[in-house]
């Protein structure tokens, strides 16, 4: 069973630092679903955070999925050419 990590508020350069360690530990420990449906704002730091957690999950032999990805974050991922790497579920 996958643990769900629900994020809320801004997920930006100024806020992701406080979230890195907790999500990294959860991703390394087991299957993780990150719910972004309550995120009000996101920038490239949000993508970097998700990819860091994906790496931690993969190194631990687990998977990470993401739900609630906004159209804006999907567009940003496409702009950077990493949209196909984002493990987003609808």
N, C-alpha and C. Protein backbone atom coordinates (compact mmCIF):
# COMPACT_ATOMS: atom_id res chain seq x y z
N UNK A 1 0.84 -1.18 0.00
CA UNK A 1 0.00 0.00 0.00
C UNK A 1 0.89 1.25 0.00
N UNK A 2 0.52 2.20 -0.81
CA UNK A 2 1.29 3.42 -0.96
C UNK A 2 0.89 4.46 0.08
N UNK A 3 1.89 5.07 0.69
CA UNK A 3 1.62 6.18 1.60
C UNK A 3 1.32 7.41 0.75
N UNK A 4 0.43 8.27 1.23
CA UNK A 4 0.10 9.50 0.51
C UNK A 4 0.67 10.68 1.27
N UNK A 5 1.45 11.48 0.57
CA UNK A 5 2.00 12.72 1.12
C UNK A 5 1.28 13.87 0.44
N UNK A 6 0.44 14.57 1.19
CA UNK A 6 -0.34 15.68 0.64
C UNK A 6 0.39 17.00 0.89
N UNK A 7 0.69 17.69 -0.20
CA UNK A 7 1.35 18.98 -0.08
C UNK A 7 0.33 20.08 -0.32
N UNK A 8 0.50 21.21 0.35
CA UNK A 8 -0.43 22.33 0.22
C UNK A 8 0.35 23.63 0.22
N UNK A 9 -0.26 24.65 -0.36
CA UNK A 9 0.35 25.96 -0.40
C UNK A 9 1.35 26.08 -1.53
N UNK A 10 2.29 27.00 -1.39
CA UNK A 10 3.28 27.25 -2.43
C UNK A 10 4.38 26.19 -2.40
N UNK A 11 4.78 25.75 -3.58
CA UNK A 11 5.88 24.81 -3.73
C UNK A 11 6.88 25.48 -4.67
N UNK A 12 7.64 26.39 -4.09
CA UNK A 12 8.53 27.26 -4.87
C UNK A 12 9.94 27.26 -4.28
N UNK A 13 10.82 27.95 -4.95
CA UNK A 13 12.21 28.03 -4.53
C UNK A 13 12.33 28.42 -3.05
N UNK A 14 11.44 29.27 -2.59
CA UNK A 14 11.54 29.73 -1.20
C UNK A 14 10.91 28.78 -0.20
N UNK A 15 10.19 27.75 -0.66
CA UNK A 15 9.50 26.87 0.29
C UNK A 15 9.93 25.41 0.23
N UNK A 16 10.54 24.96 -0.86
CA UNK A 16 10.82 23.53 -0.97
C UNK A 16 11.90 23.05 -0.01
N UNK A 17 12.81 23.90 0.37
CA UNK A 17 13.88 23.50 1.27
C UNK A 17 13.38 22.84 2.54
N UNK A 18 12.28 23.34 3.07
CA UNK A 18 11.72 22.80 4.30
C UNK A 18 11.05 21.45 4.09
N UNK A 19 10.82 21.06 2.85
CA UNK A 19 10.09 19.82 2.57
C UNK A 19 10.98 18.69 2.07
N UNK A 20 12.21 18.98 1.70
CA UNK A 20 13.07 18.00 1.05
C UNK A 20 13.26 16.75 1.90
N UNK A 21 13.72 16.89 3.11
CA UNK A 21 14.11 15.74 3.93
C UNK A 21 12.94 14.81 4.24
N UNK A 22 11.79 15.35 4.59
CA UNK A 22 10.66 14.50 4.96
C UNK A 22 10.19 13.65 3.78
N UNK A 23 10.04 14.27 2.63
CA UNK A 23 9.61 13.52 1.45
C UNK A 23 10.66 12.54 0.98
N UNK A 24 11.91 12.92 1.09
CA UNK A 24 13.02 12.05 0.69
C UNK A 24 13.01 10.78 1.54
N UNK A 25 12.83 10.92 2.83
CA UNK A 25 12.79 9.77 3.74
C UNK A 25 11.59 8.87 3.44
N UNK A 26 10.43 9.46 3.20
CA UNK A 26 9.24 8.67 2.89
C UNK A 26 9.40 7.91 1.58
N UNK A 27 9.98 8.57 0.57
CA UNK A 27 10.18 7.93 -0.73
C UNK A 27 11.17 6.79 -0.64
N UNK A 28 12.20 6.96 0.17
CA UNK A 28 13.22 5.91 0.32
C UNK A 28 12.69 4.72 1.11
N UNK A 29 11.67 4.96 1.96
CA UNK A 29 11.17 3.92 2.85
C UNK A 29 10.11 3.02 2.23
N UNK A 30 9.40 3.49 1.21
CA UNK A 30 8.33 2.67 0.64
C UNK A 30 7.62 3.37 -0.50
N UNK A 31 6.58 2.71 -1.00
CA UNK A 31 5.79 3.27 -2.10
C UNK A 31 5.18 4.60 -1.62
N UNK A 32 5.23 5.60 -2.49
CA UNK A 32 4.75 6.93 -2.10
C UNK A 32 3.96 7.56 -3.22
N UNK A 33 2.82 8.13 -2.86
CA UNK A 33 2.03 8.95 -3.77
C UNK A 33 2.07 10.36 -3.23
N UNK A 34 2.48 11.30 -4.07
CA UNK A 34 2.53 12.71 -3.68
C UNK A 34 1.30 13.39 -4.29
N UNK A 35 0.46 13.96 -3.44
CA UNK A 35 -0.76 14.63 -3.88
C UNK A 35 -0.51 16.13 -3.90
N UNK A 36 -0.55 16.70 -5.11
CA UNK A 36 -0.30 18.13 -5.28
C UNK A 36 -1.58 18.94 -5.46
N UNK A 37 -2.74 18.33 -5.25
CA UNK A 37 -4.00 19.01 -5.55
C UNK A 37 -4.22 20.28 -4.73
N UNK A 38 -3.60 20.41 -3.58
CA UNK A 38 -3.77 21.61 -2.76
C UNK A 38 -2.60 22.59 -2.90
N UNK A 39 -1.71 22.35 -3.86
CA UNK A 39 -0.59 23.27 -4.09
C UNK A 39 -1.12 24.48 -4.87
N UNK A 40 -0.89 25.65 -4.33
CA UNK A 40 -1.44 26.88 -4.94
C UNK A 40 -0.50 27.52 -5.94
N UNK A 41 0.79 27.23 -5.83
CA UNK A 41 1.79 27.85 -6.71
C UNK A 41 2.99 26.91 -6.78
N UNK A 42 3.56 26.77 -7.98
CA UNK A 42 4.72 25.91 -8.14
C UNK A 42 5.65 26.49 -9.20
N UNK A 43 6.95 26.27 -9.00
CA UNK A 43 7.92 26.70 -10.00
C UNK A 43 8.88 25.54 -10.26
N UNK A 44 10.00 25.81 -10.90
CA UNK A 44 10.93 24.75 -11.26
C UNK A 44 11.47 24.01 -10.03
N UNK A 45 11.47 24.66 -8.88
CA UNK A 45 11.91 24.00 -7.65
C UNK A 45 10.98 22.84 -7.30
N UNK A 46 9.71 22.94 -7.63
CA UNK A 46 8.77 21.85 -7.38
C UNK A 46 9.16 20.63 -8.21
N UNK A 47 9.54 20.85 -9.45
CA UNK A 47 9.98 19.75 -10.31
C UNK A 47 11.26 19.12 -9.74
N UNK A 48 12.19 19.95 -9.34
CA UNK A 48 13.45 19.43 -8.77
C UNK A 48 13.17 18.60 -7.52
N UNK A 49 12.25 19.05 -6.70
CA UNK A 49 11.88 18.32 -5.49
C UNK A 49 11.30 16.95 -5.84
N UNK A 50 10.38 16.93 -6.78
CA UNK A 50 9.76 15.66 -7.19
C UNK A 50 10.78 14.71 -7.76
N UNK A 51 11.69 15.21 -8.59
CA UNK A 51 12.71 14.34 -9.18
C UNK A 51 13.69 13.83 -8.12
N UNK A 52 13.97 14.63 -7.11
CA UNK A 52 14.81 14.17 -6.00
C UNK A 52 14.13 13.02 -5.26
N UNK A 53 12.84 13.18 -5.00
CA UNK A 53 12.10 12.13 -4.31
C UNK A 53 11.97 10.88 -5.18
N UNK A 54 11.82 11.06 -6.49
CA UNK A 54 11.78 9.91 -7.40
C UNK A 54 13.08 9.12 -7.33
N UNK A 55 14.18 9.84 -7.31
CA UNK A 55 15.51 9.21 -7.22
C UNK A 55 15.65 8.43 -5.92
N UNK A 56 15.19 9.01 -4.82
CA UNK A 56 15.25 8.34 -3.52
C UNK A 56 14.40 7.07 -3.53
N UNK A 57 13.22 7.15 -4.14
CA UNK A 57 12.35 5.98 -4.22
C UNK A 57 13.01 4.88 -5.05
N UNK A 58 13.53 5.26 -6.19
CA UNK A 58 14.18 4.28 -7.09
C UNK A 58 15.36 3.62 -6.39
N UNK A 59 16.18 4.39 -5.70
CA UNK A 59 17.34 3.84 -4.98
C UNK A 59 16.92 2.89 -3.87
N UNK A 60 15.73 3.12 -3.31
CA UNK A 60 15.22 2.24 -2.27
C UNK A 60 14.42 1.06 -2.82
N UNK A 61 14.33 0.98 -4.14
CA UNK A 61 13.57 -0.10 -4.77
C UNK A 61 12.08 0.11 -4.75
N UNK A 62 11.66 1.37 -4.66
CA UNK A 62 10.23 1.71 -4.58
C UNK A 62 9.83 2.59 -5.76
N UNK A 63 8.55 2.87 -5.84
CA UNK A 63 8.06 3.79 -6.86
C UNK A 63 7.40 4.99 -6.20
N UNK A 64 7.37 6.07 -6.94
CA UNK A 64 6.71 7.29 -6.50
C UNK A 64 5.76 7.70 -7.61
N UNK A 65 4.55 8.07 -7.24
CA UNK A 65 3.60 8.60 -8.21
C UNK A 65 3.11 9.95 -7.71
N UNK A 66 2.59 10.73 -8.64
CA UNK A 66 2.16 12.08 -8.32
C UNK A 66 0.74 12.27 -8.83
N UNK A 67 -0.12 12.81 -7.99
CA UNK A 67 -1.49 13.12 -8.38
C UNK A 67 -1.74 14.62 -8.18
N UNK A 68 -2.79 15.12 -8.81
CA UNK A 68 -3.18 16.51 -8.63
C UNK A 68 -2.22 17.51 -9.24
N UNK A 69 -1.54 17.12 -10.30
CA UNK A 69 -0.59 18.03 -10.96
C UNK A 69 -1.37 19.08 -11.73
N UNK A 70 -1.10 20.33 -11.46
CA UNK A 70 -1.80 21.43 -12.13
C UNK A 70 -1.37 21.55 -13.59
N UNK A 71 -2.21 22.17 -14.37
CA UNK A 71 -1.90 22.42 -15.78
C UNK A 71 -0.63 23.27 -15.89
N UNK A 72 -0.46 24.22 -14.97
CA UNK A 72 0.71 25.08 -15.00
C UNK A 72 2.00 24.30 -14.77
N UNK A 73 1.97 23.35 -13.82
CA UNK A 73 3.16 22.56 -13.55
C UNK A 73 3.45 21.60 -14.71
N UNK A 74 2.40 21.07 -15.32
CA UNK A 74 2.58 20.22 -16.51
C UNK A 74 3.21 21.02 -17.64
N UNK A 75 2.76 22.25 -17.82
CA UNK A 75 3.31 23.12 -18.87
C UNK A 75 4.78 23.42 -18.59
N UNK A 76 5.10 23.71 -17.35
CA UNK A 76 6.48 23.98 -16.96
C UNK A 76 7.36 22.76 -17.23
N UNK A 77 6.87 21.58 -16.87
CA UNK A 77 7.62 20.35 -17.12
C UNK A 77 7.84 20.15 -18.62
N UNK A 78 6.83 20.45 -19.42
CA UNK A 78 6.97 20.32 -20.88
C UNK A 78 7.99 21.33 -21.41
N UNK A 79 7.96 22.53 -20.89
CA UNK A 79 8.89 23.57 -21.31
C UNK A 79 10.34 23.14 -21.06
N UNK A 80 10.57 22.46 -19.94
CA UNK A 80 11.91 21.98 -19.60
C UNK A 80 12.23 20.63 -20.25
N UNK A 81 11.24 20.05 -20.95
CA UNK A 81 11.47 18.78 -21.62
C UNK A 81 11.50 17.58 -20.68
N UNK A 82 10.87 17.71 -19.52
CA UNK A 82 10.88 16.61 -18.55
C UNK A 82 9.48 16.08 -18.25
N UNK A 83 8.50 16.49 -19.04
CA UNK A 83 7.13 16.08 -18.78
C UNK A 83 6.94 14.57 -18.84
N UNK A 84 7.68 13.90 -19.68
CA UNK A 84 7.54 12.43 -19.78
C UNK A 84 8.18 11.72 -18.60
N UNK A 85 9.02 12.42 -17.86
CA UNK A 85 9.67 11.83 -16.68
C UNK A 85 8.80 11.95 -15.43
N UNK A 86 7.83 12.86 -15.47
CA UNK A 86 6.99 13.11 -14.30
C UNK A 86 5.99 11.96 -14.14
N UNK A 87 6.04 11.25 -13.00
CA UNK A 87 5.18 10.08 -12.81
C UNK A 87 3.78 10.49 -12.36
N UNK A 88 3.10 11.25 -13.20
CA UNK A 88 1.82 11.82 -12.82
C UNK A 88 0.66 10.92 -13.22
N UNK A 89 -0.26 10.75 -12.27
CA UNK A 89 -1.52 10.06 -12.52
C UNK A 89 -2.58 11.15 -12.63
N UNK A 90 -3.64 10.85 -13.33
CA UNK A 90 -4.76 11.82 -13.40
C UNK A 90 -5.66 11.67 -12.22
